[in-house]
ModelCIF file with pLDDT and N, C-alpha, C, O atoms, coordinates in Angstrom:
data_MODEL
#
_entry.id   MODEL 
#
_entity.id                         1 
_entity.type                       polymer 
_entity.pdbx_number_of_molecules   1 
#
_entity_poly.entity_id                      1 
_entity_poly.type                           'polypeptide(L)' 
_entity_poly.nstd_linkage                   no 
_entity_poly.nstd_monomer                   no 
_entity_poly.pdbx_seq_one_letter_code       YVRYLKPSQAARAIEECDRSFRAILAEPKNKSSESFEHDY 
_entity_poly.pdbx_seq_one_letter_code_can   YVRYLKPSQAARAIEECDRSFRAILAEPKNKSSESFEHDY 
_entity_poly.pdbx_strand_id                 A 
#
loop_
_entity_poly_seq.entity_id 
_entity_poly_seq.num 
_entity_poly_seq.mon_id 
_entity_poly_seq.hetero 
1 1  TYR n 
1 2  VAL n 
1 3  ARG n 
1 4  TYR n 
1 5  LEU n 
1 6  LYS n 
1 7  PRO n 
1 8  SER n 
1 9  GLN n 
1 10 ALA n 
1 11 ALA n 
1 12 ARG n 
1 13 ALA n 
1 14 ILE n 
1 15 GLU n 
1 16 GLU n 
1 17 CYS n 
1 18 ASP n 
1 19 ARG n 
1 20 SER n 
1 21 PHE n 
1 22 ARG n 
1 23 ALA n 
1 24 ILE n 
1 25 LEU n 
1 26 ALA n 
1 27 GLU n 
1 28 PRO n 
1 29 LYS n 
1 30 ASN n 
1 31 LYS n 
1 32 SER n 
1 33 SER n 
1 34 GLU n 
1 35 SER n 
1 36 PHE n 
1 37 GLU n 
1 38 HIS n 
1 39 ASP n 
1 40 TYR n 
#
_struct_asym.id          A 
_struct_asym.entity_id   1 
#
loop_
_ma_qa_metric.id 
_ma_qa_metric.mode 
_ma_qa_metric.name 
_ma_qa_metric.software_group_id 
_ma_qa_metric.type 
1 global pLDDT . pLDDT 
2 local  pLDDT . pLDDT 
#
_ma_qa_metric_global.metric_id      1 
_ma_qa_metric_global.metric_value   80.17 
_ma_qa_metric_global.model_id       1 
_ma_qa_metric_global.ordinal_id     1 
#
loop_
_ma_qa_metric_local.label_asym_id 
_ma_qa_metric_local.label_comp_id 
_ma_qa_metric_local.label_seq_id 
_ma_qa_metric_local.metric_id 
_ma_qa_metric_local.metric_value 
_ma_qa_metric_local.model_id 
_ma_qa_metric_local.ordinal_id 
A TYR 1  2 93.00 1 1  
A VAL 2  2 94.00 1 2  
A ARG 3  2 94.00 1 3  
A TYR 4  2 93.00 1 4  
A LEU 5  2 91.00 1 5  
A LYS 6  2 90.00 1 6  
A PRO 7  2 88.00 1 7  
A SER 8  2 88.00 1 8  
A GLN 9  2 91.00 1 9  
A ALA 10 2 90.00 1 10 
A ALA 11 2 89.00 1 11 
A ARG 12 2 91.00 1 12 
A ALA 13 2 93.00 1 13 
A ILE 14 2 91.00 1 14 
A GLU 15 2 90.00 1 15 
A GLU 16 2 92.00 1 16 
A CYS 17 2 92.00 1 17 
A ASP 18 2 91.00 1 18 
A ARG 19 2 89.00 1 19 
A SER 20 2 90.00 1 20 
A PHE 21 2 91.00 1 21 
A ARG 22 2 90.00 1 22 
A ALA 23 2 89.00 1 23 
A ILE 24 2 89.00 1 24 
A LEU 25 2 85.00 1 25 
A ALA 26 2 83.00 1 26 
A GLU 27 2 74.00 1 27 
A PRO 28 2 69.00 1 28 
A LYS 29 2 65.00 1 29 
A ASN 30 2 58.00 1 30 
A LYS 31 2 54.00 1 31 
A SER 32 2 53.00 1 32 
A SER 33 2 58.00 1 33 
A GLU 34 2 60.00 1 34 
A SER 35 2 58.00 1 35 
A PHE 36 2 60.00 1 36 
A GLU 37 2 64.00 1 37 
A HIS 38 2 62.00 1 38 
A ASP 39 2 61.00 1 39 
A TYR 40 2 64.00 1 40 
#
loop_
_atom_site.group_PDB 
_atom_site.id 
_atom_site.type_symbol 
_atom_site.label_atom_id 
_atom_site.label_alt_id 
_atom_site.label_comp_id 
_atom_site.label_asym_id 
_atom_site.label_entity_id 
_atom_site.label_seq_id 
_atom_site.pdbx_PDB_ins_code 
_atom_site.Cartn_x 
_atom_site.Cartn_y 
_atom_site.Cartn_z 
_atom_site.occupancy 
_atom_site.B_iso_or_equiv 
_atom_site.pdbx_formal_charge 
_atom_site.auth_seq_id 
_atom_site.auth_comp_id 
_atom_site.auth_asym_id 
_atom_site.auth_atom_id 
_atom_site.pdbx_PDB_model_num 
ATOM 1   N N  . TYR A 1 1  ? 4.143   -6.025 0.407   1.00 93.00 ? 1  TYR A N  1 
ATOM 2   C CA . TYR A 1 1  ? 4.239   -4.737 -0.269  1.00 93.00 ? 1  TYR A CA 1 
ATOM 3   C C  . TYR A 1 1  ? 4.330   -5.115 -1.802  1.00 93.00 ? 1  TYR A C  1 
ATOM 4   O O  . TYR A 1 1  ? 4.826   -6.146 -2.257  1.00 93.00 ? 1  TYR A O  1 
ATOM 5   N N  . VAL A 1 2  ? 3.737   -4.047 -2.525  1.00 94.00 ? 2  VAL A N  1 
ATOM 6   C CA . VAL A 1 2  ? 4.154   -4.016 -4.101  1.00 94.00 ? 2  VAL A CA 1 
ATOM 7   C C  . VAL A 1 2  ? 4.469   -2.639 -4.421  1.00 94.00 ? 2  VAL A C  1 
ATOM 8   O O  . VAL A 1 2  ? 3.686   -1.721 -4.176  1.00 94.00 ? 2  VAL A O  1 
ATOM 9   N N  . ARG A 1 3  ? 5.650   -2.472 -4.990  1.00 94.00 ? 3  ARG A N  1 
ATOM 10  C CA . ARG A 1 3  ? 6.266   -1.368 -5.364  1.00 94.00 ? 3  ARG A CA 1 
ATOM 11  C C  . ARG A 1 3  ? 6.110   -1.205 -6.929  1.00 94.00 ? 3  ARG A C  1 
ATOM 12  O O  . ARG A 1 3  ? 6.536   -2.057 -7.708  1.00 94.00 ? 3  ARG A O  1 
ATOM 13  N N  . TYR A 1 4  ? 5.432   0.018  -7.356  1.00 93.00 ? 4  TYR A N  1 
ATOM 14  C CA . TYR A 1 4  ? 5.265   0.227  -8.833  1.00 93.00 ? 4  TYR A CA 1 
ATOM 15  C C  . TYR A 1 4  ? 6.294   1.264  -9.188  1.00 93.00 ? 4  TYR A C  1 
ATOM 16  O O  . TYR A 1 4  ? 7.012   1.788  -8.337  1.00 93.00 ? 4  TYR A O  1 
ATOM 17  N N  . LEU A 1 5  ? 6.344   1.555  -10.520 1.00 91.00 ? 5  LEU A N  1 
ATOM 18  C CA . LEU A 1 5  ? 7.248   2.503  -11.100 1.00 91.00 ? 5  LEU A CA 1 
ATOM 19  C C  . LEU A 1 5  ? 6.703   3.905  -11.274 1.00 91.00 ? 5  LEU A C  1 
ATOM 20  O O  . LEU A 1 5  ? 7.436   4.888  -11.387 1.00 91.00 ? 5  LEU A O  1 
ATOM 21  N N  . LYS A 1 6  ? 5.238   3.954  -11.290 1.00 90.00 ? 6  LYS A N  1 
ATOM 22  C CA . LYS A 1 6  ? 4.476   5.121  -11.284 1.00 90.00 ? 6  LYS A CA 1 
ATOM 23  C C  . LYS A 1 6  ? 3.472   5.255  -10.174 1.00 90.00 ? 6  LYS A C  1 
ATOM 24  O O  . LYS A 1 6  ? 3.027   4.220  -9.677  1.00 90.00 ? 6  LYS A O  1 
ATOM 25  N N  . PRO A 1 7  ? 3.067   6.437  -9.730  1.00 88.00 ? 7  PRO A N  1 
ATOM 26  C CA . PRO A 1 7  ? 2.051   6.618  -8.753  1.00 88.00 ? 7  PRO A CA 1 
ATOM 27  C C  . PRO A 1 7  ? 0.827   6.131  -9.328  1.00 88.00 ? 7  PRO A C  1 
ATOM 28  O O  . PRO A 1 7  ? 0.084   5.369  -8.708  1.00 88.00 ? 7  PRO A O  1 
ATOM 29  N N  . SER A 1 8  ? 0.554   6.603  -10.661 1.00 88.00 ? 8  SER A N  1 
ATOM 30  C CA . SER A 1 8  ? -0.769  6.205  -11.181 1.00 88.00 ? 8  SER A CA 1 
ATOM 31  C C  . SER A 1 8  ? -1.092  4.805  -11.290 1.00 88.00 ? 8  SER A C  1 
ATOM 32  O O  . SER A 1 8  ? -2.264  4.430  -11.296 1.00 88.00 ? 8  SER A O  1 
ATOM 33  N N  . GLN A 1 9  ? -0.025  3.936  -11.387 1.00 91.00 ? 9  GLN A N  1 
ATOM 34  C CA . GLN A 1 9  ? -0.172  2.477  -11.373 1.00 91.00 ? 9  GLN A CA 1 
ATOM 35  C C  . GLN A 1 9  ? -0.519  1.948  -10.047 1.00 91.00 ? 9  GLN A C  1 
ATOM 36  O O  . GLN A 1 9  ? -1.353  1.048  -9.943  1.00 91.00 ? 9  GLN A O  1 
ATOM 37  N N  . ALA A 1 10 ? 0.105   2.484  -8.974  1.00 90.00 ? 10 ALA A N  1 
ATOM 38  C CA . ALA A 1 10 ? -0.187  2.209  -7.601  1.00 90.00 ? 10 ALA A CA 1 
ATOM 39  C C  . ALA A 1 10 ? -1.743  2.511  -7.238  1.00 90.00 ? 10 ALA A C  1 
ATOM 40  O O  . ALA A 1 10 ? -2.499  1.751  -6.631  1.00 90.00 ? 10 ALA A O  1 
ATOM 41  N N  . ALA A 1 11 ? -2.033  3.760  -7.738  1.00 89.00 ? 11 ALA A N  1 
ATOM 42  C CA . ALA A 1 11 ? -3.393  4.170  -7.593  1.00 89.00 ? 11 ALA A CA 1 
ATOM 43  C C  . ALA A 1 11 ? -4.488  3.277  -8.379  1.00 89.00 ? 11 ALA A C  1 
ATOM 44  O O  . ALA A 1 11 ? -5.612  3.039  -7.937  1.00 89.00 ? 11 ALA A O  1 
ATOM 45  N N  . ARG A 1 12 ? -4.081  2.912  -9.367  1.00 91.00 ? 12 ARG A N  1 
ATOM 46  C CA . ARG A 1 12 ? -4.893  2.095  -10.320 1.00 91.00 ? 12 ARG A CA 1 
ATOM 47  C C  . ARG A 1 12 ? -5.124  0.524  -9.405  1.00 91.00 ? 12 ARG A C  1 
ATOM 48  O O  . ARG A 1 12 ? -6.199  -0.061 -9.274  1.00 91.00 ? 12 ARG A O  1 
ATOM 49  N N  . ALA A 1 13 ? -3.957  0.147  -8.924  1.00 93.00 ? 13 ALA A N  1 
ATOM 50  C CA . ALA A 1 13 ? -4.023  -1.047 -8.164  1.00 93.00 ? 13 ALA A CA 1 
ATOM 51  C C  . ALA A 1 13 ? -4.968  -1.031 -6.889  1.00 93.00 ? 13 ALA A C  1 
ATOM 52  O O  . ALA A 1 13 ? -5.700  -1.980 -6.608  1.00 93.00 ? 13 ALA A O  1 
ATOM 53  N N  . ILE A 1 14 ? -4.892  0.010  -6.225  1.00 91.00 ? 14 ILE A N  1 
ATOM 54  C CA . ILE A 1 14 ? -5.567  0.211  -5.057  1.00 91.00 ? 14 ILE A CA 1 
ATOM 55  C C  . ILE A 1 14 ? -7.248  0.328  -5.530  1.00 91.00 ? 14 ILE A C  1 
ATOM 56  O O  . ILE A 1 14 ? -8.157  -0.271 -4.955  1.00 91.00 ? 14 ILE A O  1 
ATOM 57  N N  . GLU A 1 15 ? -7.394  1.118  -6.552  1.00 90.00 ? 15 GLU A N  1 
ATOM 58  C CA . GLU A 1 15 ? -8.779  1.344  -7.078  1.00 90.00 ? 15 GLU A CA 1 
ATOM 59  C C  . GLU A 1 15 ? -9.495  0.045  -7.503  1.00 90.00 ? 15 GLU A C  1 
ATOM 60  O O  . GLU A 1 15 ? -10.664 -0.200 -7.202  1.00 90.00 ? 15 GLU A O  1 
ATOM 61  N N  . GLU A 1 16 ? -8.690  -0.776 -8.235  1.00 92.00 ? 16 GLU A N  1 
ATOM 62  C CA . GLU A 1 16 ? -9.233  -1.908 -9.046  1.00 92.00 ? 16 GLU A CA 1 
ATOM 63  C C  . GLU A 1 16 ? -9.237  -3.380 -8.516  1.00 92.00 ? 16 GLU A C  1 
ATOM 64  O O  . GLU A 1 16 ? -10.028 -4.247 -8.889  1.00 92.00 ? 16 GLU A O  1 
ATOM 65  N N  . CYS A 1 17 ? -8.220  -3.543 -7.573  1.00 92.00 ? 17 CYS A N  1 
ATOM 66  C CA . CYS A 1 17 ? -7.894  -4.978 -7.058  1.00 92.00 ? 17 CYS A CA 1 
ATOM 67  C C  . CYS A 1 17 ? -9.078  -5.336 -6.159  1.00 92.00 ? 17 CYS A C  1 
ATOM 68  O O  . CYS A 1 17 ? -9.854  -4.465 -5.767  1.00 92.00 ? 17 CYS A O  1 
ATOM 69  N N  . ASP A 1 18 ? -9.211  -6.652 -5.830  1.00 91.00 ? 18 ASP A N  1 
ATOM 70  C CA . ASP A 1 18 ? -10.193 -7.122 -5.240  1.00 91.00 ? 18 ASP A CA 1 
ATOM 71  C C  . ASP A 1 18 ? -10.174 -6.577 -3.708  1.00 91.00 ? 18 ASP A C  1 
ATOM 72  O O  . ASP A 1 18 ? -9.160  -6.424 -3.027  1.00 91.00 ? 18 ASP A O  1 
ATOM 73  N N  . ARG A 1 19 ? -11.457 -6.329 -3.329  1.00 89.00 ? 19 ARG A N  1 
ATOM 74  C CA . ARG A 1 19 ? -11.468 -5.601 -1.915  1.00 89.00 ? 19 ARG A CA 1 
ATOM 75  C C  . ARG A 1 19 ? -10.909 -6.529 -0.711  1.00 89.00 ? 19 ARG A C  1 
ATOM 76  O O  . ARG A 1 19 ? -10.616 -6.045 0.383   1.00 89.00 ? 19 ARG A O  1 
ATOM 77  N N  . SER A 1 20 ? -10.797 -7.839 -0.997  1.00 90.00 ? 20 SER A N  1 
ATOM 78  C CA . SER A 1 20 ? -10.082 -8.677 0.045   1.00 90.00 ? 20 SER A CA 1 
ATOM 79  C C  . SER A 1 20 ? -8.753  -8.376 0.297   1.00 90.00 ? 20 SER A C  1 
ATOM 80  O O  . SER A 1 20 ? -8.301  -8.677 1.401   1.00 90.00 ? 20 SER A O  1 
ATOM 81  N N  . PHE A 1 21 ? -7.905  -7.730 -0.689  1.00 91.00 ? 21 PHE A N  1 
ATOM 82  C CA . PHE A 1 21 ? -6.550  -7.379 -0.565  1.00 91.00 ? 21 PHE A CA 1 
ATOM 83  C C  . PHE A 1 21 ? -6.450  -6.154 0.452   1.00 91.00 ? 21 PHE A C  1 
ATOM 84  O O  . PHE A 1 21 ? -5.370  -5.910 0.990   1.00 91.00 ? 21 PHE A O  1 
ATOM 85  N N  . ARG A 1 22 ? -7.634  -5.351 0.723   1.00 90.00 ? 22 ARG A N  1 
ATOM 86  C CA . ARG A 1 22 ? -7.542  -4.200 1.474   1.00 90.00 ? 22 ARG A CA 1 
ATOM 87  C C  . ARG A 1 22 ? -6.296  -3.289 1.337   1.00 90.00 ? 22 ARG A C  1 
ATOM 88  O O  . ARG A 1 22 ? -5.654  -2.835 2.284   1.00 90.00 ? 22 ARG A O  1 
ATOM 89  N N  . ALA A 1 23 ? -6.047  -3.089 0.024   1.00 89.00 ? 23 ALA A N  1 
ATOM 90  C CA . ALA A 1 23 ? -4.820  -2.425 -0.575  1.00 89.00 ? 23 ALA A CA 1 
ATOM 91  C C  . ALA A 1 23 ? -5.007  -0.735 -0.004  1.00 89.00 ? 23 ALA A C  1 
ATOM 92  O O  . ALA A 1 23 ? -6.089  -0.149 -0.055  1.00 89.00 ? 23 ALA A O  1 
ATOM 93  N N  . ILE A 1 24 ? -3.871  -0.183 0.477   1.00 89.00 ? 24 ILE A N  1 
ATOM 94  C CA . ILE A 1 24 ? -3.552  1.052  0.758   1.00 89.00 ? 24 ILE A CA 1 
ATOM 95  C C  . ILE A 1 24 ? -2.230  1.488  0.381   1.00 89.00 ? 24 ILE A C  1 
ATOM 96  O O  . ILE A 1 24 ? -1.344  0.686  0.086   1.00 89.00 ? 24 ILE A O  1 
ATOM 97  N N  . LEU A 1 25 ? -2.062  2.836  0.384   1.00 85.00 ? 25 LEU A N  1 
ATOM 98  C CA . LEU A 1 25 ? -0.618  3.355  0.274   1.00 85.00 ? 25 LEU A CA 1 
ATOM 99  C C  . LEU A 1 25 ? 0.074   2.911  1.375   1.00 85.00 ? 25 LEU A C  1 
ATOM 100 O O  . LEU A 1 25 ? -0.518  2.897  2.454   1.00 85.00 ? 25 LEU A O  1 
ATOM 101 N N  . ALA A 1 26 ? 1.328   2.509  1.302   1.00 83.00 ? 26 ALA A N  1 
ATOM 102 C CA . ALA A 1 26 ? 2.196   2.000  2.484   1.00 83.00 ? 26 ALA A CA 1 
ATOM 103 C C  . ALA A 1 26 ? 2.835   3.344  3.090   1.00 83.00 ? 26 ALA A C  1 
ATOM 104 O O  . ALA A 1 26 ? 2.903   4.433  2.519   1.00 83.00 ? 26 ALA A O  1 
ATOM 105 N N  . GLU A 1 27 ? 3.260   3.038  4.301   1.00 74.00 ? 27 GLU A N  1 
ATOM 106 C CA . GLU A 1 27 ? 3.873   4.153  4.979   1.00 74.00 ? 27 GLU A CA 1 
ATOM 107 C C  . GLU A 1 27 ? 5.380   4.183  4.506   1.00 74.00 ? 27 GLU A C  1 
ATOM 108 O O  . GLU A 1 27 ? 5.975   3.201  4.061   1.00 74.00 ? 27 GLU A O  1 
ATOM 109 N N  . PRO A 1 28 ? 5.943   5.520  4.671   1.00 69.00 ? 28 PRO A N  1 
ATOM 110 C CA . PRO A 1 28 ? 7.452   5.644  4.157   1.00 69.00 ? 28 PRO A CA 1 
ATOM 111 C C  . PRO A 1 28 ? 8.150   4.535  4.814   1.00 69.00 ? 28 PRO A C  1 
ATOM 112 O O  . PRO A 1 28 ? 7.711   3.990  5.827   1.00 69.00 ? 28 PRO A O  1 
ATOM 113 N N  . LYS A 1 29 ? 9.219   4.213  4.241   1.00 65.00 ? 29 LYS A N  1 
ATOM 114 C CA . LYS A 1 29 ? 10.207  3.193  4.862   1.00 65.00 ? 29 LYS A CA 1 
ATOM 115 C C  . LYS A 1 29 ? 10.916  3.549  6.097   1.00 65.00 ? 29 LYS A C  1 
ATOM 116 O O  . LYS A 1 29 ? 11.369  2.672  6.833   1.00 65.00 ? 29 LYS A O  1 
ATOM 117 N N  . ASN A 1 30 ? 11.032  4.818  6.355   1.00 58.00 ? 30 ASN A N  1 
ATOM 118 C CA . ASN A 1 30 ? 11.704  5.451  7.464   1.00 58.00 ? 30 ASN A CA 1 
ATOM 119 C C  . ASN A 1 30 ? 10.761  5.433  8.795   1.00 58.00 ? 30 ASN A C  1 
ATOM 120 O O  . ASN A 1 30 ? 11.184  5.697  9.921   1.00 58.00 ? 30 ASN A O  1 
ATOM 121 N N  . LYS A 1 31 ? 9.576   5.122  8.522   1.00 54.00 ? 31 LYS A N  1 
ATOM 122 C CA . LYS A 1 31 ? 8.585   4.976  9.699   1.00 54.00 ? 31 LYS A CA 1 
ATOM 123 C C  . LYS A 1 31 ? 8.566   3.697  10.150  1.00 54.00 ? 31 LYS A C  1 
ATOM 124 O O  . LYS A 1 31 ? 8.832   2.820  9.329   1.00 54.00 ? 31 LYS A O  1 
ATOM 125 N N  . SER A 1 32 ? 8.269   3.339  11.453  1.00 53.00 ? 32 SER A N  1 
ATOM 126 C CA . SER A 1 32 ? 8.103   1.957  12.042  1.00 53.00 ? 32 SER A CA 1 
ATOM 127 C C  . SER A 1 32 ? 7.243   1.133  11.255  1.00 53.00 ? 32 SER A C  1 
ATOM 128 O O  . SER A 1 32 ? 6.052   1.425  11.144  1.00 53.00 ? 32 SER A O  1 
ATOM 129 N N  . SER A 1 33 ? 7.798   0.004  10.626  1.00 58.00 ? 33 SER A N  1 
ATOM 130 C CA . SER A 1 33 ? 6.922   -0.951 9.854   1.00 58.00 ? 33 SER A CA 1 
ATOM 131 C C  . SER A 1 33 ? 6.021   -1.787 10.900  1.00 58.00 ? 33 SER A C  1 
ATOM 132 O O  . SER A 1 33 ? 4.861   -2.045 10.582  1.00 58.00 ? 33 SER A O  1 
ATOM 133 N N  . GLU A 1 34 ? 6.484   -2.173 12.020  1.00 60.00 ? 34 GLU A N  1 
ATOM 134 C CA . GLU A 1 34 ? 5.820   -2.800 12.852  1.00 60.00 ? 34 GLU A CA 1 
ATOM 135 C C  . GLU A 1 34 ? 4.498   -2.055 13.512  1.00 60.00 ? 34 GLU A C  1 
ATOM 136 O O  . GLU A 1 34 ? 3.502   -2.720 13.798  1.00 60.00 ? 34 GLU A O  1 
ATOM 137 N N  . SER A 1 35 ? 4.555   -0.736 13.716  1.00 58.00 ? 35 SER A N  1 
ATOM 138 C CA . SER A 1 35 ? 3.647   -0.045 14.228  1.00 58.00 ? 35 SER A CA 1 
ATOM 139 C C  . SER A 1 35 ? 2.597   0.033  13.037  1.00 58.00 ? 35 SER A C  1 
ATOM 140 O O  . SER A 1 35 ? 1.393   -0.066 13.271  1.00 58.00 ? 35 SER A O  1 
ATOM 141 N N  . PHE A 1 36 ? 3.095   0.216  11.747  1.00 60.00 ? 36 PHE A N  1 
ATOM 142 C CA . PHE A 1 36 ? 2.332   0.452  10.663  1.00 60.00 ? 36 PHE A CA 1 
ATOM 143 C C  . PHE A 1 36 ? 1.439   -0.858 10.431  1.00 60.00 ? 36 PHE A C  1 
ATOM 144 O O  . PHE A 1 36 ? 0.275   -0.792 10.036  1.00 60.00 ? 36 PHE A O  1 
ATOM 145 N N  . GLU A 1 37 ? 2.041   -1.937 10.691  1.00 64.00 ? 37 GLU A N  1 
ATOM 146 C CA . GLU A 1 37 ? 1.269   -3.295 10.418  1.00 64.00 ? 37 GLU A CA 1 
ATOM 147 C C  . GLU A 1 37 ? 0.185   -3.283 11.630  1.00 64.00 ? 37 GLU A C  1 
ATOM 148 O O  . GLU A 1 37 ? -0.991  -3.591 11.436  1.00 64.00 ? 37 GLU A O  1 
ATOM 149 N N  . HIS A 1 38 ? 0.632   -2.946 12.743  1.00 62.00 ? 38 HIS A N  1 
ATOM 150 C CA . HIS A 1 38 ? -0.344  -3.121 13.817  1.00 62.00 ? 38 HIS A CA 1 
ATOM 151 C C  . HIS A 1 38 ? -1.662  -2.198 13.499  1.00 62.00 ? 38 HIS A C  1 
ATOM 152 O O  . HIS A 1 38 ? -2.815  -2.614 13.604  1.00 62.00 ? 38 HIS A O  1 
ATOM 153 N N  . ASP A 1 39 ? -1.343  -1.051 13.146  1.00 61.00 ? 39 ASP A N  1 
ATOM 154 C CA . ASP A 1 39 ? -2.443  0.001  12.826  1.00 61.00 ? 39 ASP A CA 1 
ATOM 155 C C  . ASP A 1 39 ? -3.361  -0.579 11.681  1.00 61.00 ? 39 ASP A C  1 
ATOM 156 O O  . ASP A 1 39 ? -4.590  -0.516 11.721  1.00 61.00 ? 39 ASP A O  1 
ATOM 157 N N  . TYR A 1 40 ? -2.669  -1.125 10.703  1.00 64.00 ? 40 TYR A N  1 
ATOM 158 C CA . TYR A 1 40 ? -3.289  -1.745 9.573   1.00 64.00 ? 40 TYR A CA 1 
ATOM 159 C C  . TYR A 1 40 ? -4.242  -2.649 10.012  1.00 64.00 ? 40 TYR A C  1 
ATOM 160 O O  . TYR A 1 40 ? -4.899  -3.298 9.198   1.00 64.00 ? 40 TYR A O  1 
#
């Protein structure tokens, strides 16, 4: 996980980082992290 201070920074990271990182917005912390990892 990478947490930025601003949504625009997170959006830029998803947009511009190497595709091998397969970056997406993370699920909220109150959701099951294990099920999110499995789906991912």
